Protein backbone atom coordinates (compact mmCIF):
# COMPACT_ATOMS: atom_id res chain seq x y z
CA MET A 1 -0.26 -0.23 0.25
CA LEU A 2 3.13 2.13 0.69
CA MET A 3 3.74 1.98 -3.03
CA GLN A 4 0.45 2.98 -3.94
CA LEU A 5 -0.04 6.09 -2.05
CA THR A 6 3.55 7.50 -3.57
CA ALA A 7 2.43 6.70 -6.70
CA LEU A 8 -1.01 8.38 -5.47
CA ARG A 9 1.36 11.82 -4.23
CA THR A 10 3.41 11.42 -7.91
CA PHE A 11 -0.18 11.34 -9.90
CA VAL A 12 -1.49 14.60 -7.83
CA SER A 13 2.11 16.33 -8.48
CA ASP A 14 2.35 15.80 -12.14
CA ILE A 15 -1.54 16.81 -12.32
CA LEU A 16 -1.27 19.87 -10.94
CA ARG A 17 1.76 20.63 -12.62
CA GLN A 18 0.18 20.11 -16.33
CA GLN A 19 -2.21 22.32 -14.58
CA LYS A 20 0.17 24.91 -14.36
CA TYR A 21 1.46 24.74 -17.78
CA VAL A 22 -2.38 25.13 -19.43
CA ARG A 23 -3.05 28.01 -17.38
CA ALA A 24 0.51 29.91 -18.61
CA CYS A 25 0.77 28.34 -22.13
CA LEU A 26 -2.33 26.10 -23.66
CA GLU A 27 -5.32 28.93 -22.54
CA PRO A 28 -3.60 31.85 -23.88
CA GLU A 29 -2.83 29.72 -26.91
CA LEU A 30 -6.29 28.96 -27.72
CA GLN A 31 -7.61 32.38 -26.62
CA SER A 32 -4.90 33.96 -29.83
CA LEU A 33 -6.79 31.50 -32.23
CA GLU A 34 -10.22 32.69 -30.89
CA GLN A 35 -9.22 35.93 -31.51
CA GLN A 36 -8.21 35.39 -34.79
CA TRP A 37 -11.31 33.48 -35.96
CA GLY A 38 -13.65 36.33 -34.32
CA THR A 39 -15.46 33.11 -32.32
CA SER A 40 -15.25 30.65 -29.21
CA PHE A 41 -14.85 27.12 -28.86
CA ASP A 42 -17.58 25.53 -27.81
CA ALA A 43 -17.56 25.27 -23.74
CA TYR A 44 -17.41 21.12 -23.19
CA LEU A 45 -15.15 21.05 -26.20
CA ARG A 46 -12.77 24.03 -24.47
CA LYS A 47 -12.70 22.08 -21.12
CA LYS A 48 -11.60 18.50 -22.79
CA MET A 49 -9.07 20.57 -24.16
CA THR A 50 -8.13 21.93 -21.50
CA ARG A 51 -8.78 20.10 -17.87
CA TYR A 52 -9.24 16.17 -19.65
CA TYR A 53 -7.07 15.73 -22.44
CA GLY A 54 -5.12 18.98 -21.75
CA LEU A 55 -4.14 17.59 -18.50
CA LEU A 56 -4.39 13.47 -19.26
CA THR A 57 -2.40 13.16 -21.98
CA THR A 58 0.50 15.06 -20.63
CA GLY A 59 -0.10 15.18 -16.73
CA VAL A 60 -0.58 10.89 -16.88
CA LEU A 61 0.68 9.69 -20.04
CA ALA A 62 3.93 11.66 -21.34
CA GLU A 63 5.00 11.78 -17.13
CA SER A 64 4.91 7.80 -16.57
CA TYR A 65 6.69 7.28 -20.19
CA CYS A 66 9.30 9.35 -19.47
CA ARG A 67 9.53 8.04 -16.31
CA LEU A 68 9.61 4.31 -17.23
CA HIS A 69 12.69 5.39 -19.09
CA ALA A 70 14.12 7.28 -15.92
CA ARG A 71 14.14 10.27 -17.95
CA PRO A 72 12.22 13.68 -17.17
CA LEU A 73 9.50 15.78 -19.20
CA LEU A 74 10.88 18.28 -20.36
CA ALA A 75 9.70 21.70 -21.45
CA PRO A 76 9.83 20.76 -25.60
CA ALA A 77 8.02 17.70 -24.68
CA ARG A 78 5.63 18.90 -22.69
CA GLU A 79 4.56 21.86 -25.23
CA ILE A 80 4.19 19.06 -28.06
CA SER A 81 2.23 16.30 -25.78
CA SER A 82 0.10 19.26 -24.35
CA ALA A 83 -0.77 20.08 -27.81
CA LEU A 84 -1.30 16.62 -29.35
CA GLY A 85 -3.95 16.81 -25.93
CA ALA A 86 -5.49 19.83 -27.42
CA MET A 87 -6.28 18.26 -31.17
CA THR A 88 -7.40 14.98 -29.48
CA PRO A 89 -11.03 16.07 -28.63
CA ILE A 90 -11.60 18.50 -31.95
CA PHE A 91 -10.14 14.94 -34.05
CA ASP A 92 -12.78 12.97 -31.97
CA ASP A 93 -15.74 15.21 -32.73
CA PHE A 94 -14.93 15.75 -36.71
CA PHE A 95 -15.87 11.68 -36.52
CA ASP A 96 -18.71 11.91 -33.61
CA ARG A 97 -20.10 15.17 -35.23
CA ASN A 98 -19.74 14.03 -38.72
CA LEU A 99 -18.15 17.47 -39.48
CA LEU A 100 -15.65 16.54 -42.26
CA THR A 101 -15.92 13.78 -44.69
CA ASP A 102 -13.53 10.80 -44.47
CA ALA A 103 -11.54 11.96 -47.15
CA GLU A 104 -11.23 15.86 -45.90
CA ILE A 105 -9.77 14.17 -42.32
CA ARG A 106 -7.08 12.43 -43.99
CA GLN A 107 -6.03 15.20 -46.00
CA MET A 108 -5.76 17.42 -43.17
CA MET A 109 -4.05 14.68 -40.83
CA ALA A 110 -1.69 14.39 -44.02
CA ALA A 111 -0.77 17.49 -45.15
CA PRO A 112 -1.91 20.00 -42.38
CA SER A 113 -0.37 23.17 -43.78
CA GLY A 114 -1.92 22.57 -47.27
CA PHE A 115 -5.78 22.37 -45.83
CA PRO A 116 -7.53 25.44 -45.90
CA ALA A 117 -9.27 25.88 -42.65
CA ARG A 118 -12.87 27.19 -42.68
CA THR A 119 -13.61 27.16 -38.75
CA LEU A 120 -12.06 27.45 -35.46
CA GLU A 121 -11.68 23.64 -34.51
CA GLN A 122 -10.25 23.14 -38.32
CA ALA A 123 -7.45 25.93 -37.23
CA ALA A 124 -7.00 24.76 -33.92
CA ILE A 125 -5.99 21.53 -34.91
CA ILE A 126 -4.24 22.24 -37.91
CA HIS A 127 -1.98 24.67 -35.56
CA PHE A 128 -1.21 22.04 -33.12
CA HIS A 129 -0.51 19.24 -35.54
CA GLU A 130 1.92 21.23 -37.62
CA LYS A 131 3.69 22.52 -34.18
CA ILE A 132 3.91 18.72 -33.48
CA LEU A 133 5.28 17.88 -36.47
CA ARG A 134 8.15 20.65 -36.74
CA ALA A 135 9.40 19.66 -33.55
CA LEU A 136 9.44 15.51 -33.87
CA LYS A 137 12.76 14.36 -35.73
CA ALA A 138 11.15 11.19 -37.13
CA PRO A 139 7.69 12.15 -38.18
CA ASP A 140 6.45 9.24 -40.50
CA SER A 141 6.63 7.43 -37.42
CA PHE A 142 3.85 9.29 -35.71
CA ARG A 143 2.20 9.76 -39.11
CA GLU A 144 1.70 6.20 -38.83
CA ARG A 145 0.09 6.09 -35.40
CA ILE A 146 -2.08 8.30 -36.38
CA GLU A 147 -3.38 6.71 -39.58
CA LYS A 148 -4.07 3.63 -37.49
CA VAL A 149 -6.05 6.05 -34.77
CA PHE A 150 -7.97 7.48 -37.99
CA GLN A 151 -8.83 3.97 -39.37
CA ALA A 152 -9.81 2.97 -35.76
CA GLN A 153 -12.36 5.71 -35.71
CA ILE A 154 -13.58 4.70 -38.69
CA ASP A 155 -14.39 1.01 -37.57
CA SER A 156 -16.03 2.44 -34.64
CA ARG A 157 -18.72 3.74 -36.42
CA GLN A 158 -20.07 0.21 -36.06
CA GLN A 159 -21.03 1.12 -32.52
CA SER A 160 -23.62 2.25 -33.52
CA ARG A 161 -25.23 -0.94 -34.83
CA GLU A 162 -26.97 -3.24 -32.34
CA ASP A 163 -25.89 -6.60 -34.05
CA ILE A 164 -21.90 -5.61 -33.77
CA THR A 165 -20.23 -8.89 -32.38
CA GLU A 166 -18.66 -9.34 -29.43
CA GLU A 167 -15.83 -9.91 -31.23
CA ALA A 168 -15.54 -6.48 -33.50
CA LEU A 169 -16.63 -4.65 -30.42
CA TRP A 170 -13.12 -5.96 -28.30
CA LYS A 171 -10.78 -5.24 -31.69
CA ILE A 172 -12.77 -1.71 -31.59
CA THR A 173 -12.16 -1.37 -27.91
CA TYR A 174 -8.56 -1.75 -28.07
CA ASP A 175 -7.82 -0.51 -31.20
CA LYS A 176 -9.19 3.06 -30.54
CA ALA A 177 -7.41 3.85 -27.40
CA GLY A 178 -4.22 1.52 -27.80
CA TYR A 179 -3.09 3.04 -31.13
CA SER A 180 -4.05 6.32 -29.41
CA LEU A 181 -1.61 5.38 -26.38
CA GLN A 182 1.10 4.34 -28.90
CA ALA A 183 0.88 7.61 -30.51
CA TYR A 184 0.96 9.60 -26.98
CA ARG A 185 4.49 7.74 -26.82
CA GLU A 186 5.76 8.52 -30.70
CA ILE A 187 6.06 12.15 -29.98
CA LEU A 188 8.87 11.63 -27.22
CA ASP A 189 12.05 11.58 -28.01
CA LEU A 190 12.48 7.92 -26.06
CA PRO A 191 14.75 5.08 -27.05
CA ASP A 192 11.77 1.90 -27.99
CA ALA A 193 12.30 -1.10 -25.49
CA GLU A 194 11.12 -4.30 -26.58
CA GLY A 195 7.51 -4.96 -25.84
CA GLU A 196 6.84 -1.70 -24.80
CA GLN A 197 4.33 -0.80 -27.95
CA GLU A 198 2.56 -4.03 -26.91
CA VAL A 199 2.07 -2.73 -23.43
CA TYR A 200 0.83 0.99 -24.23
CA TYR A 201 -1.62 -0.94 -26.66
CA GLN A 202 -3.06 -3.14 -24.18
CA LEU A 203 -3.23 -0.65 -21.25
CA GLY A 204 -5.21 1.67 -23.80
CA GLY A 205 -7.64 -0.99 -24.39
CA ILE A 206 -8.17 -1.61 -20.57
CA LEU A 207 -8.29 2.09 -20.50
CA GLN A 208 -11.13 2.52 -22.68
CA LEU A 209 -13.09 -0.47 -21.46
CA CYS A 210 -12.67 1.36 -17.91
CA ASN A 211 -14.09 4.25 -19.81
CA ASP A 212 -17.13 2.45 -21.28
CA THR A 213 -18.04 0.98 -18.29
CA PHE A 214 -18.25 4.81 -16.88
CA ASP A 215 -20.08 5.72 -19.70
CA ILE A 216 -22.72 3.47 -19.90
CA TYR A 217 -25.76 5.54 -19.08
CA LYS A 218 -24.20 8.10 -21.95
CA ASP A 219 -23.82 5.53 -24.36
CA LEU A 220 -27.38 3.86 -23.94
CA GLY A 221 -29.13 7.37 -24.71
CA GLU A 222 -26.72 7.94 -27.72
CA GLY A 223 -27.62 4.69 -29.12
CA ILE A 224 -23.47 3.16 -28.71
CA MET A 225 -23.16 -0.27 -28.15
CA THR A 226 -20.00 -1.36 -25.90
CA LEU A 227 -18.62 -4.06 -24.45
CA PRO A 228 -20.03 -3.44 -21.06
CA ILE A 229 -23.41 -3.06 -22.58
CA ARG A 230 -22.94 -5.93 -24.60
CA PHE A 231 -22.15 -8.29 -22.26
CA LYS A 232 -25.09 -8.36 -19.97
CA ASP A 233 -23.13 -10.19 -17.37
CA PHE A 234 -20.92 -8.01 -15.04
CA GLU A 235 -19.78 -11.02 -12.82
CA ARG A 236 -17.87 -12.03 -16.21
CA LEU A 237 -16.73 -8.53 -17.21
CA LYS A 238 -15.12 -8.39 -13.88
CA ALA A 239 -13.34 -11.03 -14.30
CA VAL A 240 -12.39 -10.56 -17.89
CA TYR A 241 -11.14 -6.78 -16.62
CA LEU A 242 -9.06 -8.29 -13.72
CA ARG A 243 -7.67 -11.03 -16.40
CA GLU A 244 -6.69 -8.35 -18.36
CA THR A 245 -5.05 -6.08 -16.33
CA GLN A 246 -2.90 -8.89 -14.67
CA ASP A 247 -1.74 -10.00 -17.74
CA TRP A 248 -0.69 -6.39 -18.58
CA ILE A 249 1.11 -5.98 -15.37
CA ALA A 250 2.78 -9.49 -15.83
CA ARG A 251 3.35 -8.09 -19.52
CA CYS A 252 5.55 -4.46 -17.97
CA ARG A 253 7.50 -6.81 -15.32
CA LYS A 254 9.13 -8.45 -18.56
CA LEU A 255 10.44 -5.05 -20.07
CA SER A 256 14.21 -4.15 -20.19
CA PHE A 257 13.75 -0.77 -17.57
CA ARG A 258 15.09 -1.00 -14.07
CA GLN A 259 12.65 -2.97 -11.89
CA LYS A 260 11.98 -0.16 -9.34
CA ASP A 261 10.96 2.15 -12.29
CA ILE A 262 8.70 -0.66 -13.83
CA GLU A 263 6.82 -0.93 -10.85
CA ARG A 264 6.26 2.74 -10.03
CA PHE A 265 4.83 2.79 -14.07
CA ILE A 266 2.73 0.01 -13.17
CA ALA A 267 1.52 1.55 -9.89
CA PHE A 268 0.69 5.08 -11.14
CA MET A 269 -1.25 3.44 -14.04
CA LEU A 270 -2.99 1.20 -11.66
CA ILE A 271 -5.00 4.22 -9.99
CA VAL A 272 -6.70 4.84 -13.28
CA ILE A 273 -7.27 1.16 -14.31
CA CYS A 274 -8.46 0.54 -10.87
CA ARG A 275 -11.12 2.60 -11.15
CA GLY A 276 -12.93 0.58 -13.47
CA LEU A 277 -12.97 -2.64 -10.74
CA VAL A 278 -14.63 -0.07 -8.44
CA ALA A 279 -17.46 0.30 -11.20
CA LEU A 280 -17.56 -2.81 -12.07
CA GLU A 281 -18.47 -4.20 -8.64
CA GLN A 282 -21.30 -1.89 -8.35
CA LEU A 283 -22.61 -2.98 -11.62
CA GLU A 284 -22.48 -6.63 -10.23
CA ALA A 285 -23.98 -5.47 -6.99
CA LEU A 286 -26.62 -4.31 -9.36
CA GLU A 287 -27.07 -7.38 -11.11
CA LYS A 288 -27.15 -9.67 -7.99
CA HIS A 289 -30.29 -7.31 -6.78
CA LYS A 290 -32.24 -7.13 -10.35
CA GLY A 291 -31.03 -10.92 -11.45
CA LYS A 292 -28.92 -11.68 -14.84
CA GLY A 293 -29.61 -10.04 -17.60
CA PHE A 294 -31.22 -6.97 -16.16
CA ASN A 295 -32.48 -4.41 -18.87
CA LEU A 296 -30.04 -1.67 -18.26
CA ARG A 297 -32.42 0.59 -20.05
CA GLU A 298 -34.65 0.40 -16.96
CA CYS A 299 -31.99 1.84 -15.05
CA ASN A 300 -31.28 5.33 -13.66
CA ARG A 301 -28.61 7.61 -13.88
CA LYS A 302 -27.71 6.72 -9.93
CA GLU A 303 -27.66 2.95 -10.48
CA LEU A 304 -25.33 2.91 -13.21
CA ILE A 305 -22.73 5.74 -12.48
CA CYS A 306 -20.05 5.06 -9.86
CA ASP A 307 -19.41 8.06 -8.01
CA MET A 308 -15.66 8.08 -7.84
CA ALA A 309 -15.44 11.58 -5.26
CA LYS A 310 -16.93 9.16 -2.64
CA PRO A 311 -14.26 8.33 -0.01
CA ARG A 312 -15.32 4.61 -0.10
CA SER A 313 -14.78 4.29 -3.46
CA PHE A 314 -11.44 5.87 -3.68
CA LEU A 315 -10.25 3.75 -1.19
CA ARG A 316 -11.79 0.96 -2.97
CA SER A 317 -9.50 1.55 -5.57
CA LEU A 318 -6.36 1.69 -4.00
CA VAL A 319 -7.09 -1.71 -2.14
CA TRP A 320 -7.40 -2.65 -5.54
CA ALA A 321 -4.26 -1.40 -6.66
CA SER A 322 -2.15 -2.71 -3.83
CA ARG A 323 -3.52 -6.07 -4.30
CA LEU A 324 -3.20 -6.43 -8.02
CA ARG A 325 1.15 -5.59 -7.77
CA ARG A 326 1.16 -8.10 -4.77
CA THR A 327 -0.76 -10.81 -6.17
CA THR A 328 0.39 -10.77 -9.89
CA HIS A 329 2.95 -12.70 -10.87
């Protein structure tokens, strides 16, 4: 438990450091773009750019990737990591809201400087993407990862179909976030270790499954099929989630980094992963009360959403994290 508490202190410190960067650098950058275009970002989109992706892409992922390599996250890397975090929700919106055709999105990502921006959002994604490409020593590798993210986004449209297979959902779940986490790693000037990219791909899948578990109520309302909705058996889903997490921990421990850095990385990422286990426990208890195969659409928001702000839920996630590190071999 001591290592988990240490990881939690580091987690909070990293997020606070990134908050300072967002206020000092990213916010003024967004304001400058708004002034140029004479309009403002949608409030919810701006929140995702500055308080969700803007924080987590750098404060969690970039910091932990560098720490695994026993290196600090330097200012230039923080800048381009924050740029990627800011452009990610805009990229998602282009798909989710059909704001551009697939051909236009591909053209914009392949050659941003040659794409004629027609909106503030398009101008922002071009601005941040160009900044990243200029900073990278090997931009082609990053482009390859982004192309995979692009294809995963296209494939994810199948989630609007109720008859989508479980096999297809597994692939979409892992591809969508797995390739994104690899792209977030690609922008950092770090040497590749054998098996490292596979660790990030699997981590992405687990984190996406965690996110989908918290979003059941929202996804039901929007007609999006996800694994937690398709499973209809939360005891089985929790067992799968546990098995995937244990396999990921074991895979991490085979990496060629210093063992203490690997254990810190695992403890750090389990802070997020184990939130999903607490949410699945709540859904499992609901399943026992209502019976196997109960109708999720008949449940209210409170029943389906796990409140991680509650001290009991938060402490439970720490217990899970400590247990998984101790018992996984």
